[in-house]
N, C-alpha and C. Protein backbone atom coordinates (compact mmCIF):
# COMPACT_ATOMS: atom_id res chain seq x y z
N MET A 1 93.45 35.73 -74.28
CA MET A 1 93.39 35.67 -72.81
C MET A 1 92.11 36.32 -72.34
N ASN A 2 91.74 37.47 -72.99
CA ASN A 2 90.51 38.16 -72.57
C ASN A 2 89.30 37.30 -72.84
N MET A 3 89.28 36.59 -73.96
CA MET A 3 88.12 35.76 -74.31
C MET A 3 87.96 34.62 -73.31
N ARG A 4 89.11 33.99 -72.92
CA ARG A 4 89.05 32.96 -71.96
C ARG A 4 88.55 33.43 -70.61
N LYS A 5 89.00 34.64 -70.25
CA LYS A 5 88.57 35.21 -68.97
C LYS A 5 87.09 35.52 -69.00
N ASP A 6 86.62 36.06 -70.11
CA ASP A 6 85.20 36.36 -70.21
C ASP A 6 84.38 35.09 -70.18
N ARG A 7 84.87 34.02 -70.82
CA ARG A 7 84.12 32.75 -70.78
C ARG A 7 84.11 32.17 -69.34
N THR A 8 85.21 32.33 -68.68
CA THR A 8 85.26 31.81 -67.24
C THR A 8 84.27 32.60 -66.38
N GLN A 9 84.26 33.94 -66.56
CA GLN A 9 83.32 34.76 -65.78
C GLN A 9 81.88 34.40 -66.11
N ASN A 10 81.60 34.22 -67.40
CA ASN A 10 80.20 33.85 -67.79
C ASN A 10 79.81 32.51 -67.18
N THR A 11 80.79 31.55 -67.21
CA THR A 11 80.47 30.23 -66.61
C THR A 11 80.21 30.36 -65.13
N GLU A 12 81.03 31.16 -64.46
CA GLU A 12 80.78 31.32 -63.00
C GLU A 12 79.46 32.02 -62.74
N HIS A 13 79.18 33.05 -63.62
CA HIS A 13 77.89 33.76 -63.46
C HIS A 13 76.70 32.82 -63.62
N ARG A 14 76.78 31.94 -64.64
CA ARG A 14 75.74 30.98 -64.90
C ARG A 14 75.57 30.02 -63.70
N THR A 15 76.77 29.58 -63.20
CA THR A 15 76.71 28.67 -62.04
C THR A 15 76.06 29.32 -60.84
N GLN A 16 76.32 30.59 -60.60
CA GLN A 16 75.71 31.32 -59.49
C GLN A 16 74.19 31.45 -59.68
N ILE A 17 73.79 31.73 -60.94
CA ILE A 17 72.36 31.85 -61.24
C ILE A 17 71.64 30.48 -60.97
N ILE A 18 72.28 29.40 -61.44
CA ILE A 18 71.70 28.06 -61.23
C ILE A 18 71.57 27.74 -59.77
N ASP A 19 72.66 28.14 -58.98
CA ASP A 19 72.63 27.87 -57.56
C ASP A 19 71.49 28.67 -56.88
N LEU A 20 71.34 29.90 -57.30
CA LEU A 20 70.27 30.74 -56.73
C LEU A 20 68.90 30.16 -57.07
N TYR A 21 68.71 29.69 -58.27
CA TYR A 21 67.45 29.09 -58.66
C TYR A 21 67.15 27.84 -57.87
N ARG A 22 68.21 27.01 -57.68
CA ARG A 22 68.00 25.82 -56.91
C ARG A 22 67.63 26.13 -55.45
N LYS A 23 68.31 27.10 -54.88
CA LYS A 23 68.00 27.51 -53.49
C LYS A 23 66.56 28.02 -53.38
N LYS A 24 66.12 28.79 -54.39
CA LYS A 24 64.76 29.32 -54.37
C LYS A 24 63.73 28.20 -54.42
N ASN A 25 63.98 27.22 -55.33
CA ASN A 25 63.07 26.10 -55.42
C ASN A 25 63.05 25.26 -54.15
N SER A 26 64.27 25.15 -53.56
CA SER A 26 64.36 24.38 -52.30
C SER A 26 63.56 25.05 -51.18
N LEU A 27 63.62 26.40 -51.11
CA LEU A 27 62.88 27.14 -50.05
C LEU A 27 61.36 27.03 -50.29
N GLU A 28 60.97 27.16 -51.55
CA GLU A 28 59.56 27.06 -51.86
C GLU A 28 59.04 25.64 -51.56
N SER A 29 59.85 24.62 -51.85
CA SER A 29 59.45 23.26 -51.59
C SER A 29 59.32 23.03 -50.06
N GLY A 30 60.23 23.62 -49.29
CA GLY A 30 60.19 23.50 -47.85
C GLY A 30 58.95 24.17 -47.28
N VAL A 31 58.64 25.37 -47.79
CA VAL A 31 57.44 26.08 -47.32
C VAL A 31 56.21 25.27 -47.61
N TRP A 32 56.10 24.70 -48.83
CA TRP A 32 54.92 23.93 -49.22
C TRP A 32 54.82 22.68 -48.35
N SER A 33 55.93 22.05 -48.05
CA SER A 33 55.91 20.83 -47.18
C SER A 33 55.46 21.18 -45.77
N LEU A 34 55.93 22.32 -45.26
CA LEU A 34 55.54 22.74 -43.92
C LEU A 34 54.04 23.05 -43.85
N GLU A 35 53.53 23.76 -44.84
CA GLU A 35 52.10 24.04 -44.87
C GLU A 35 51.28 22.80 -44.97
N SER A 36 51.78 21.84 -45.76
CA SER A 36 51.04 20.56 -45.90
C SER A 36 51.01 19.79 -44.59
N GLU A 37 52.10 19.83 -43.88
CA GLU A 37 52.15 19.13 -42.57
C GLU A 37 51.22 19.78 -41.55
N LYS A 38 51.09 21.12 -41.61
CA LYS A 38 50.18 21.81 -40.70
C LYS A 38 48.72 21.34 -40.97
N GLY A 39 48.35 21.10 -42.14
CA GLY A 39 47.02 20.61 -42.50
C GLY A 39 46.79 19.18 -41.99
N MET A 40 47.80 18.35 -42.07
CA MET A 40 47.68 16.98 -41.57
C MET A 40 47.56 16.98 -40.02
N VAL A 41 48.29 17.86 -39.36
CA VAL A 41 48.23 17.95 -37.92
C VAL A 41 46.85 18.34 -37.48
N LEU A 42 46.20 19.27 -38.19
CA LEU A 42 44.84 19.68 -37.85
C LEU A 42 43.84 18.52 -38.03
N ILE A 43 43.98 17.77 -39.12
CA ILE A 43 43.08 16.66 -39.34
C ILE A 43 43.23 15.58 -38.25
N VAL A 44 44.52 15.26 -37.94
CA VAL A 44 44.79 14.24 -36.91
C VAL A 44 44.25 14.71 -35.55
N SER A 45 44.39 15.99 -35.26
CA SER A 45 43.87 16.53 -33.99
C SER A 45 42.36 16.40 -33.91
N LEU A 46 41.64 16.71 -35.02
CA LEU A 46 40.22 16.60 -35.03
C LEU A 46 39.78 15.15 -34.86
N LEU A 47 40.51 14.22 -35.51
CA LEU A 47 40.15 12.82 -35.35
C LEU A 47 40.31 12.34 -33.91
N LEU A 48 41.44 12.74 -33.29
CA LEU A 48 41.67 12.36 -31.90
C LEU A 48 40.63 12.97 -30.98
N LEU A 49 40.20 14.21 -31.27
CA LEU A 49 39.18 14.85 -30.46
C LEU A 49 37.84 14.12 -30.61
N LEU A 50 37.54 13.68 -31.84
CA LEU A 50 36.31 12.88 -32.09
C LEU A 50 36.32 11.59 -31.30
N VAL A 51 37.49 10.89 -31.36
CA VAL A 51 37.59 9.61 -30.66
C VAL A 51 37.45 9.82 -29.14
N ALA A 52 38.07 10.89 -28.62
CA ALA A 52 37.97 11.14 -27.18
C ALA A 52 36.51 11.49 -26.80
N THR A 53 35.83 12.16 -27.64
CA THR A 53 34.43 12.52 -27.34
C THR A 53 33.54 11.28 -27.34
N VAL A 54 33.74 10.39 -28.30
CA VAL A 54 32.96 9.15 -28.34
C VAL A 54 33.23 8.29 -27.13
N VAL A 55 34.53 8.19 -26.76
CA VAL A 55 34.85 7.42 -25.54
C VAL A 55 34.25 7.99 -24.28
N GLY A 56 34.26 9.37 -24.19
CA GLY A 56 33.68 10.00 -23.05
C GLY A 56 32.15 9.77 -22.94
N ILE A 57 31.45 9.92 -24.08
CA ILE A 57 30.04 9.69 -24.09
C ILE A 57 29.67 8.24 -23.70
N THR A 58 30.44 7.29 -24.26
CA THR A 58 30.22 5.89 -23.94
C THR A 58 30.43 5.63 -22.46
N ALA A 59 31.49 6.18 -21.91
CA ALA A 59 31.76 5.98 -20.46
C ALA A 59 30.66 6.58 -19.61
N LEU A 60 30.16 7.79 -20.01
CA LEU A 60 29.07 8.41 -19.27
C LEU A 60 27.79 7.58 -19.31
N SER A 61 27.49 7.09 -20.51
CA SER A 61 26.29 6.25 -20.66
C SER A 61 26.37 4.97 -19.82
N THR A 62 27.57 4.37 -19.86
CA THR A 62 27.76 3.14 -19.08
C THR A 62 27.63 3.38 -17.56
N SER A 63 28.20 4.52 -17.11
CA SER A 63 28.10 4.86 -15.71
C SER A 63 26.66 5.11 -15.28
N THR A 64 25.91 5.80 -16.15
CA THR A 64 24.50 6.07 -15.83
C THR A 64 23.70 4.80 -15.75
N THR A 65 23.97 3.89 -16.69
CA THR A 65 23.27 2.57 -16.69
C THR A 65 23.60 1.79 -15.39
N ASN A 66 24.85 1.81 -15.02
CA ASN A 66 25.25 1.06 -13.84
C ASN A 66 24.63 1.68 -12.58
N VAL A 67 24.50 2.99 -12.53
CA VAL A 67 23.89 3.65 -11.39
C VAL A 67 22.42 3.24 -11.35
N MET A 68 21.71 3.21 -12.45
CA MET A 68 20.34 2.80 -12.50
C MET A 68 20.14 1.31 -12.03
N ILE A 69 21.04 0.45 -12.55
CA ILE A 69 20.95 -0.93 -12.16
C ILE A 69 21.18 -1.12 -10.65
N THR A 70 22.16 -0.39 -10.13
CA THR A 70 22.43 -0.46 -8.67
C THR A 70 21.29 0.06 -7.86
N GLY A 71 20.67 1.16 -8.33
CA GLY A 71 19.54 1.72 -7.62
C GLY A 71 18.36 0.77 -7.62
N ASN A 72 18.07 0.16 -8.76
CA ASN A 72 16.97 -0.81 -8.85
C ASN A 72 17.20 -2.03 -7.95
N GLN A 73 18.44 -2.49 -7.95
CA GLN A 73 18.79 -3.64 -7.11
C GLN A 73 18.60 -3.30 -5.62
N ARG A 74 19.05 -2.12 -5.26
CA ARG A 74 18.92 -1.70 -3.86
C ARG A 74 17.46 -1.56 -3.48
N LEU A 75 16.66 -0.98 -4.37
CA LEU A 75 15.20 -0.85 -4.10
C LEU A 75 14.53 -2.20 -4.03
N SER A 76 14.92 -3.16 -4.85
CA SER A 76 14.36 -4.53 -4.79
C SER A 76 14.72 -5.19 -3.46
N GLU A 77 15.93 -4.99 -2.99
CA GLU A 77 16.31 -5.62 -1.72
C GLU A 77 15.57 -4.98 -0.56
N ILE A 78 15.32 -3.68 -0.58
CA ILE A 78 14.56 -3.02 0.45
C ILE A 78 13.12 -3.53 0.49
N ASN A 79 12.53 -3.62 -0.67
CA ASN A 79 11.18 -4.12 -0.77
C ASN A 79 11.06 -5.58 -0.33
N LEU A 80 12.04 -6.41 -0.70
CA LEU A 80 12.01 -7.77 -0.28
C LEU A 80 12.14 -7.91 1.22
N SER A 81 12.98 -7.13 1.84
CA SER A 81 13.13 -7.14 3.25
C SER A 81 11.87 -6.72 3.95
N ALA A 82 11.24 -5.69 3.41
CA ALA A 82 10.01 -5.18 3.97
C ALA A 82 8.86 -6.22 3.87
N ALA A 83 8.74 -6.86 2.71
CA ALA A 83 7.72 -7.86 2.53
C ALA A 83 7.97 -9.04 3.44
N ASP A 84 9.22 -9.41 3.62
CA ASP A 84 9.59 -10.53 4.48
C ASP A 84 9.27 -10.16 5.93
N SER A 85 9.36 -8.91 6.31
CA SER A 85 9.01 -8.52 7.68
C SER A 85 7.54 -8.76 7.92
N GLY A 86 6.68 -8.65 6.87
CA GLY A 86 5.27 -8.93 7.05
C GLY A 86 4.98 -10.35 7.50
N LEU A 87 5.76 -11.30 6.98
CA LEU A 87 5.63 -12.69 7.46
C LEU A 87 6.07 -12.84 8.90
N LEU A 88 7.17 -12.17 9.25
CA LEU A 88 7.68 -12.27 10.61
C LEU A 88 6.72 -11.64 11.60
N VAL A 89 6.06 -10.52 11.21
CA VAL A 89 5.13 -9.85 12.08
C VAL A 89 3.85 -10.66 12.22
N SER A 90 3.43 -11.32 11.16
CA SER A 90 2.15 -12.04 11.19
C SER A 90 2.18 -13.27 12.09
N ALA A 91 3.30 -13.96 12.12
CA ALA A 91 3.36 -15.21 12.91
C ALA A 91 2.99 -15.04 14.37
N PRO A 92 3.63 -14.08 15.12
CA PRO A 92 3.24 -13.90 16.53
C PRO A 92 1.82 -13.40 16.72
N ILE A 93 1.34 -12.58 15.76
CA ILE A 93 -0.06 -12.06 15.83
C ILE A 93 -1.03 -13.20 15.70
N ILE A 94 -0.83 -14.09 14.73
CA ILE A 94 -1.72 -15.23 14.57
C ILE A 94 -1.69 -16.14 15.82
N ASN A 95 -0.50 -16.41 16.29
CA ASN A 95 -0.36 -17.32 17.46
C ASN A 95 -1.03 -16.70 18.68
N ASP A 96 -0.79 -15.45 18.90
CA ASP A 96 -1.33 -14.77 20.10
C ASP A 96 -2.86 -14.61 20.00
N THR A 97 -3.40 -14.30 18.82
CA THR A 97 -4.81 -14.12 18.61
C THR A 97 -5.55 -15.45 18.84
N LEU A 98 -5.08 -16.53 18.27
CA LEU A 98 -5.77 -17.81 18.43
C LEU A 98 -5.62 -18.33 19.87
N PHE A 99 -4.52 -18.05 20.47
CA PHE A 99 -4.34 -18.46 21.85
C PHE A 99 -5.27 -17.74 22.79
N ASN A 100 -5.58 -16.46 22.50
CA ASN A 100 -6.49 -15.68 23.32
C ASN A 100 -7.92 -15.70 22.81
N ASP A 101 -8.37 -16.86 22.32
CA ASP A 101 -9.74 -17.06 21.87
C ASP A 101 -10.16 -16.02 20.80
N LYS A 102 -9.29 -15.87 19.83
CA LYS A 102 -9.53 -15.02 18.65
C LYS A 102 -9.72 -13.55 18.98
N GLN A 103 -9.12 -13.10 20.02
CA GLN A 103 -9.16 -11.69 20.41
C GLN A 103 -7.80 -11.06 20.11
N ILE A 104 -7.86 -9.90 19.39
CA ILE A 104 -6.64 -9.18 19.03
C ILE A 104 -6.06 -8.54 20.28
N ASN A 105 -4.83 -8.82 20.58
CA ASN A 105 -4.16 -8.18 21.67
C ASN A 105 -3.98 -6.72 21.44
N ALA A 106 -4.16 -5.94 22.49
CA ALA A 106 -4.02 -4.46 22.38
C ALA A 106 -2.66 -4.02 21.90
N ILE A 107 -1.67 -4.87 22.09
CA ILE A 107 -0.27 -4.56 21.64
C ILE A 107 -0.24 -4.42 20.12
N TYR A 108 -1.07 -5.24 19.42
CA TYR A 108 -1.07 -5.27 17.97
C TYR A 108 -2.22 -4.45 17.34
N SER A 109 -2.95 -3.74 18.15
CA SER A 109 -4.10 -3.00 17.60
C SER A 109 -3.72 -1.96 16.57
N ALA A 110 -2.52 -1.38 16.71
CA ALA A 110 -2.09 -0.36 15.76
C ALA A 110 -1.71 -0.99 14.39
N LEU A 111 -1.47 -2.27 14.38
CA LEU A 111 -1.07 -2.96 13.14
C LEU A 111 -2.25 -3.68 12.47
N VAL A 112 -3.09 -4.27 13.29
CA VAL A 112 -4.17 -5.10 12.73
C VAL A 112 -5.37 -4.21 12.45
N SER A 113 -5.81 -4.21 11.20
CA SER A 113 -6.96 -3.42 10.79
C SER A 113 -8.20 -4.28 10.60
N ASP A 114 -8.06 -5.59 10.58
CA ASP A 114 -9.15 -6.53 10.34
C ASP A 114 -8.88 -7.83 11.10
N ASN A 115 -9.84 -8.29 11.89
CA ASN A 115 -9.65 -9.49 12.66
C ASN A 115 -9.78 -10.73 11.74
N PHE A 116 -8.66 -11.23 11.31
CA PHE A 116 -8.61 -12.36 10.41
C PHE A 116 -9.12 -13.62 11.00
N ALA A 117 -9.09 -13.73 12.32
CA ALA A 117 -9.50 -14.94 13.02
C ALA A 117 -11.00 -15.21 12.90
N ASN A 118 -11.79 -14.18 12.58
CA ASN A 118 -13.25 -14.35 12.44
C ASN A 118 -13.66 -14.55 11.01
N GLU A 119 -12.70 -14.71 10.12
CA GLU A 119 -13.01 -14.86 8.70
C GLU A 119 -13.05 -16.35 8.35
N GLY A 120 -13.88 -16.66 7.39
CA GLY A 120 -13.94 -18.04 6.89
C GLY A 120 -13.00 -18.24 5.73
N THR A 121 -13.18 -19.37 5.07
CA THR A 121 -12.34 -19.65 3.89
C THR A 121 -12.67 -18.78 2.70
N THR A 122 -13.87 -18.19 2.71
CA THR A 122 -14.27 -17.35 1.59
C THR A 122 -14.09 -15.90 1.97
N ASP A 123 -12.86 -15.56 2.33
CA ASP A 123 -12.50 -14.24 2.77
C ASP A 123 -12.59 -13.29 1.55
N ALA A 124 -13.28 -12.14 1.76
CA ALA A 124 -13.48 -11.19 0.66
C ALA A 124 -12.37 -10.14 0.57
N ASP A 125 -11.59 -10.00 1.61
CA ASP A 125 -10.55 -9.00 1.56
C ASP A 125 -9.29 -9.51 0.90
N CYS A 126 -8.36 -8.63 0.67
CA CYS A 126 -7.11 -9.03 0.00
C CYS A 126 -6.09 -7.95 0.23
N PRO A 127 -4.80 -8.20 -0.10
CA PRO A 127 -3.78 -7.18 0.02
C PRO A 127 -4.11 -5.97 -0.87
N ALA A 128 -3.83 -4.81 -0.35
CA ALA A 128 -4.16 -3.60 -1.02
C ALA A 128 -3.40 -3.41 -2.34
N LEU A 129 -2.36 -4.17 -2.57
CA LEU A 129 -1.49 -3.92 -3.68
C LEU A 129 -1.65 -4.89 -4.83
N THR A 130 -2.51 -5.88 -4.68
CA THR A 130 -2.57 -6.91 -5.74
C THR A 130 -3.34 -6.41 -6.96
N GLY A 131 -4.32 -5.49 -6.77
CA GLY A 131 -5.10 -5.01 -7.87
C GLY A 131 -6.12 -6.00 -8.37
N LEU A 132 -6.32 -7.13 -7.63
CA LEU A 132 -7.29 -8.16 -8.04
C LEU A 132 -8.59 -8.01 -7.33
N CYS A 133 -8.72 -7.12 -6.39
CA CYS A 133 -9.91 -6.99 -5.54
C CYS A 133 -10.60 -5.64 -5.76
N THR A 134 -11.90 -5.68 -5.64
CA THR A 134 -12.64 -4.43 -5.78
C THR A 134 -12.54 -3.58 -4.53
N SER A 135 -12.45 -4.23 -3.39
CA SER A 135 -12.29 -3.50 -2.14
C SER A 135 -11.05 -4.07 -1.39
N ALA A 136 -10.02 -3.24 -1.31
CA ALA A 136 -8.81 -3.71 -0.65
C ALA A 136 -8.86 -3.47 0.82
N ALA A 137 -8.71 -4.49 1.61
CA ALA A 137 -8.77 -4.40 3.09
C ALA A 137 -7.75 -5.36 3.69
N PRO A 138 -6.48 -4.98 3.72
CA PRO A 138 -5.47 -5.85 4.29
C PRO A 138 -5.72 -6.02 5.80
N ASP A 139 -5.40 -7.21 6.28
CA ASP A 139 -5.55 -7.50 7.70
C ASP A 139 -4.54 -6.73 8.54
N ILE A 140 -3.31 -6.65 8.07
CA ILE A 140 -2.22 -5.94 8.79
C ILE A 140 -1.62 -4.94 7.81
N GLN A 141 -1.36 -3.76 8.33
CA GLN A 141 -0.75 -2.75 7.49
C GLN A 141 0.13 -1.84 8.37
N TYR A 142 1.32 -1.54 7.87
CA TYR A 142 2.21 -0.61 8.58
C TYR A 142 3.26 -0.09 7.56
N THR A 143 4.06 0.80 8.02
CA THR A 143 5.08 1.42 7.14
C THR A 143 6.47 1.28 7.80
N ILE A 144 7.48 1.10 6.93
CA ILE A 144 8.88 1.08 7.37
C ILE A 144 9.57 2.15 6.55
N GLY A 145 9.82 3.27 7.13
CA GLY A 145 10.39 4.39 6.38
C GLY A 145 9.42 4.84 5.30
N ASP A 146 9.83 4.78 4.04
CA ASP A 146 8.97 5.15 2.95
C ASP A 146 8.27 3.94 2.31
N THR A 147 8.42 2.77 2.91
CA THR A 147 7.85 1.54 2.35
C THR A 147 6.63 1.13 3.12
N ARG A 148 5.55 0.88 2.39
CA ARG A 148 4.30 0.45 3.04
C ARG A 148 4.18 -1.10 2.87
N VAL A 149 3.82 -1.73 3.98
CA VAL A 149 3.67 -3.17 3.97
C VAL A 149 2.19 -3.53 4.27
N SER A 150 1.63 -4.36 3.39
CA SER A 150 0.21 -4.80 3.53
C SER A 150 0.20 -6.32 3.59
N VAL A 151 -0.48 -6.85 4.60
CA VAL A 151 -0.50 -8.31 4.81
C VAL A 151 -1.94 -8.78 4.83
N ASP A 152 -2.22 -9.86 4.11
CA ASP A 152 -3.51 -10.50 4.14
C ASP A 152 -3.35 -11.89 4.69
N ILE A 153 -4.16 -12.20 5.68
CA ILE A 153 -4.15 -13.52 6.37
C ILE A 153 -5.49 -14.21 6.14
N ASP A 154 -5.47 -15.37 5.52
CA ASP A 154 -6.68 -16.12 5.23
C ASP A 154 -6.63 -17.50 5.86
N TYR A 155 -7.77 -17.91 6.43
CA TYR A 155 -7.89 -19.26 7.00
C TYR A 155 -7.95 -20.29 5.88
N LEU A 156 -7.20 -21.37 6.00
CA LEU A 156 -7.18 -22.40 5.02
C LEU A 156 -8.00 -23.62 5.49
N TYR A 157 -7.54 -24.28 6.50
CA TYR A 157 -8.22 -25.47 7.01
C TYR A 157 -7.65 -25.82 8.36
N ALA A 158 -8.30 -26.77 9.03
CA ALA A 158 -7.82 -27.30 10.32
C ALA A 158 -7.68 -28.79 10.18
N ALA A 159 -6.65 -29.38 10.76
CA ALA A 159 -6.44 -30.81 10.65
C ALA A 159 -5.61 -31.27 11.82
N PRO A 160 -5.81 -32.50 12.29
CA PRO A 160 -5.02 -33.02 13.40
C PRO A 160 -3.61 -33.33 12.92
N PRO A 161 -2.64 -33.32 13.80
CA PRO A 161 -1.24 -33.61 13.42
C PRO A 161 -1.13 -35.01 12.81
N ALA A 162 -0.26 -35.13 11.86
CA ALA A 162 -0.07 -36.46 11.27
C ALA A 162 0.54 -37.41 12.27
N GLY A 163 -0.01 -38.67 12.32
CA GLY A 163 0.47 -39.67 13.26
C GLY A 163 -0.09 -39.57 14.65
N SER A 164 -1.03 -38.64 14.88
CA SER A 164 -1.59 -38.47 16.20
C SER A 164 -2.70 -39.48 16.44
N ALA A 165 -3.15 -39.57 17.69
CA ALA A 165 -4.22 -40.52 18.01
C ALA A 165 -5.52 -40.15 17.33
N ILE A 166 -5.74 -38.83 17.13
CA ILE A 166 -6.97 -38.38 16.47
C ILE A 166 -6.93 -38.87 15.00
N MET A 167 -5.78 -38.84 14.38
CA MET A 167 -5.69 -39.30 12.99
C MET A 167 -5.97 -40.80 12.89
N PHE A 168 -5.48 -41.57 13.84
CA PHE A 168 -5.78 -42.99 13.82
C PHE A 168 -7.27 -43.26 14.05
N ALA A 169 -7.86 -42.44 14.90
CA ALA A 169 -9.28 -42.59 15.18
C ALA A 169 -10.10 -42.22 13.93
N CYS A 170 -9.70 -41.18 13.26
CA CYS A 170 -10.38 -40.78 12.02
C CYS A 170 -10.28 -41.87 10.97
N GLY A 171 -9.09 -42.52 10.90
CA GLY A 171 -8.93 -43.56 9.90
C GLY A 171 -9.76 -44.78 10.25
N TYR A 172 -9.92 -45.05 11.52
CA TYR A 172 -10.70 -46.18 11.93
C TYR A 172 -12.21 -45.98 11.77
N GLU A 173 -12.63 -44.78 12.14
CA GLU A 173 -14.07 -44.44 12.08
C GLU A 173 -14.54 -44.22 10.64
N GLY A 174 -13.58 -43.75 9.79
CA GLY A 174 -13.97 -43.49 8.40
C GLY A 174 -14.06 -42.01 8.13
N ALA A 175 -14.21 -41.69 6.83
CA ALA A 175 -14.23 -40.29 6.41
C ALA A 175 -15.44 -39.58 7.00
N GLY A 176 -15.23 -38.34 7.38
CA GLY A 176 -16.32 -37.53 7.97
C GLY A 176 -16.52 -37.74 9.45
N LYS A 177 -15.76 -38.65 10.08
CA LYS A 177 -15.88 -38.92 11.52
C LYS A 177 -14.90 -38.11 12.33
N CYS A 178 -13.95 -37.43 11.64
CA CYS A 178 -12.91 -36.65 12.38
C CYS A 178 -13.51 -35.32 12.80
N PRO A 179 -13.25 -34.92 14.09
CA PRO A 179 -13.80 -33.66 14.56
C PRO A 179 -13.19 -32.50 13.80
N SER A 180 -14.02 -31.49 13.55
CA SER A 180 -13.51 -30.30 12.82
C SER A 180 -12.67 -29.41 13.68
N SER A 181 -12.97 -29.35 14.96
CA SER A 181 -12.17 -28.48 15.82
C SER A 181 -12.17 -29.03 17.21
N SER A 182 -11.05 -29.24 17.78
CA SER A 182 -10.90 -29.68 19.15
C SER A 182 -9.51 -29.53 19.56
N GLY A 183 -9.20 -29.83 20.79
CA GLY A 183 -7.83 -29.69 21.26
C GLY A 183 -6.86 -30.54 20.44
N GLY A 184 -5.72 -29.98 20.12
CA GLY A 184 -4.73 -30.71 19.37
C GLY A 184 -4.92 -30.62 17.88
N ILE A 185 -5.85 -29.83 17.42
CA ILE A 185 -6.06 -29.61 15.98
C ILE A 185 -5.19 -28.46 15.46
N ASN A 186 -4.40 -28.69 14.47
CA ASN A 186 -3.59 -27.67 13.87
C ASN A 186 -4.41 -26.84 12.89
N VAL A 187 -4.21 -25.51 12.97
CA VAL A 187 -4.96 -24.62 12.09
C VAL A 187 -3.96 -23.97 11.10
N TYR A 188 -4.30 -23.95 9.83
CA TYR A 188 -3.44 -23.44 8.75
C TYR A 188 -3.97 -22.14 8.19
N TYR A 189 -3.09 -21.20 8.04
CA TYR A 189 -3.40 -19.88 7.48
C TYR A 189 -2.47 -19.57 6.32
N ARG A 190 -3.04 -18.91 5.34
CA ARG A 190 -2.20 -18.44 4.22
C ARG A 190 -1.87 -16.97 4.47
N ILE A 191 -0.56 -16.60 4.30
CA ILE A 191 -0.15 -15.24 4.52
C ILE A 191 0.44 -14.71 3.23
N ASN A 192 -0.10 -13.60 2.76
CA ASN A 192 0.40 -12.86 1.60
C ASN A 192 0.90 -11.51 2.05
N SER A 193 2.13 -11.24 1.89
CA SER A 193 2.76 -9.96 2.34
C SER A 193 3.26 -9.21 1.11
N PHE A 194 2.86 -7.94 1.03
CA PHE A 194 3.29 -7.12 -0.08
C PHE A 194 3.90 -5.82 0.43
N SER A 195 4.92 -5.37 -0.23
CA SER A 195 5.55 -4.09 0.13
C SER A 195 5.58 -3.17 -1.09
N GLU A 196 5.30 -1.93 -0.85
CA GLU A 196 5.28 -0.92 -1.91
C GLU A 196 6.33 0.17 -1.55
N GLY A 197 7.32 0.32 -2.43
CA GLY A 197 8.39 1.30 -2.18
C GLY A 197 8.33 2.47 -3.13
N ASP A 198 9.50 3.09 -3.31
CA ASP A 198 9.59 4.21 -4.21
C ASP A 198 9.36 3.83 -5.64
N ALA A 199 8.95 4.83 -6.45
CA ALA A 199 8.75 4.63 -7.88
C ALA A 199 7.73 3.52 -8.18
N GLY A 200 6.80 3.31 -7.26
CA GLY A 200 5.73 2.32 -7.49
C GLY A 200 6.21 0.86 -7.51
N SER A 201 7.39 0.62 -6.94
CA SER A 201 7.90 -0.78 -6.96
C SER A 201 7.16 -1.59 -5.94
N VAL A 202 6.84 -2.84 -6.31
CA VAL A 202 6.05 -3.73 -5.42
C VAL A 202 6.73 -5.12 -5.39
N THR A 203 6.82 -5.66 -4.18
CA THR A 203 7.36 -7.01 -3.99
C THR A 203 6.38 -7.79 -3.09
N GLY A 204 6.14 -9.04 -3.45
CA GLY A 204 5.23 -9.88 -2.66
C GLY A 204 5.83 -11.19 -2.27
N ILE A 205 5.48 -11.66 -1.06
CA ILE A 205 5.94 -12.96 -0.57
C ILE A 205 4.75 -13.69 0.04
N GLY A 206 4.68 -14.97 -0.23
CA GLY A 206 3.57 -15.80 0.37
C GLY A 206 4.11 -16.91 1.19
N ALA A 207 3.34 -17.32 2.20
CA ALA A 207 3.72 -18.40 3.09
C ALA A 207 2.46 -19.03 3.70
N VAL A 208 2.65 -20.23 4.25
CA VAL A 208 1.55 -20.90 4.98
C VAL A 208 2.03 -21.04 6.46
N TYR A 209 1.17 -20.58 7.36
CA TYR A 209 1.54 -20.66 8.79
C TYR A 209 0.65 -21.74 9.44
N ARG A 210 1.28 -22.60 10.21
CA ARG A 210 0.54 -23.61 10.97
C ARG A 210 0.54 -23.28 12.43
N TYR A 211 -0.67 -23.11 12.96
CA TYR A 211 -0.84 -22.83 14.41
C TYR A 211 -1.02 -24.18 15.14
N VAL A 212 -0.13 -24.40 16.10
CA VAL A 212 -0.19 -25.60 16.89
C VAL A 212 -0.64 -25.24 18.30
N PRO A 213 -1.81 -25.68 18.72
CA PRO A 213 -2.29 -25.31 20.05
C PRO A 213 -1.32 -25.86 21.14
N SER A 214 -1.20 -25.06 22.15
CA SER A 214 -0.29 -25.47 23.24
C SER A 214 -1.09 -25.71 24.51
């Protein structure tokens, strides 16, 4: 009986030792697994931070580019409007000057720097912004805010209106018989308008103006 009891106690003791060993291994395995997961969390966090940084930099770069494009477009529109105003300003000045026997009206004296009506077809002046002339002397110059507008007006030619009696007479008499200047002769001028805005931006517009005597 004692031997059986001792064997039973030894078996129970061994079972307890095995259970303790298993529990120890299980705890160690759990600790190792937890530490391993902590390392993975750190790596994933760094990767997410890197992705967020790249997305932020890309968004900032895109926003900056869009702002620059918008600014350039706005500047271009301002310059275009300013250059177009040069054409609108030139038309009444040409009409009034030729109507008043090529005399600049005092109303326009602040704008007109050179009497274009006294120039021939070989005009030596030019818009100040073209860079093609040795001496820049625009006929009209003014500023709109921070934008400077320079206008050059050049005489092209004079011709009677198409279908007029003078044209029929010229055709009947032959080439060279048409009068060069008389009542009813239309006079043509070339207008070049340039605007210079911020950052050295330049916009130019050209047009031909026909003066019809009244």
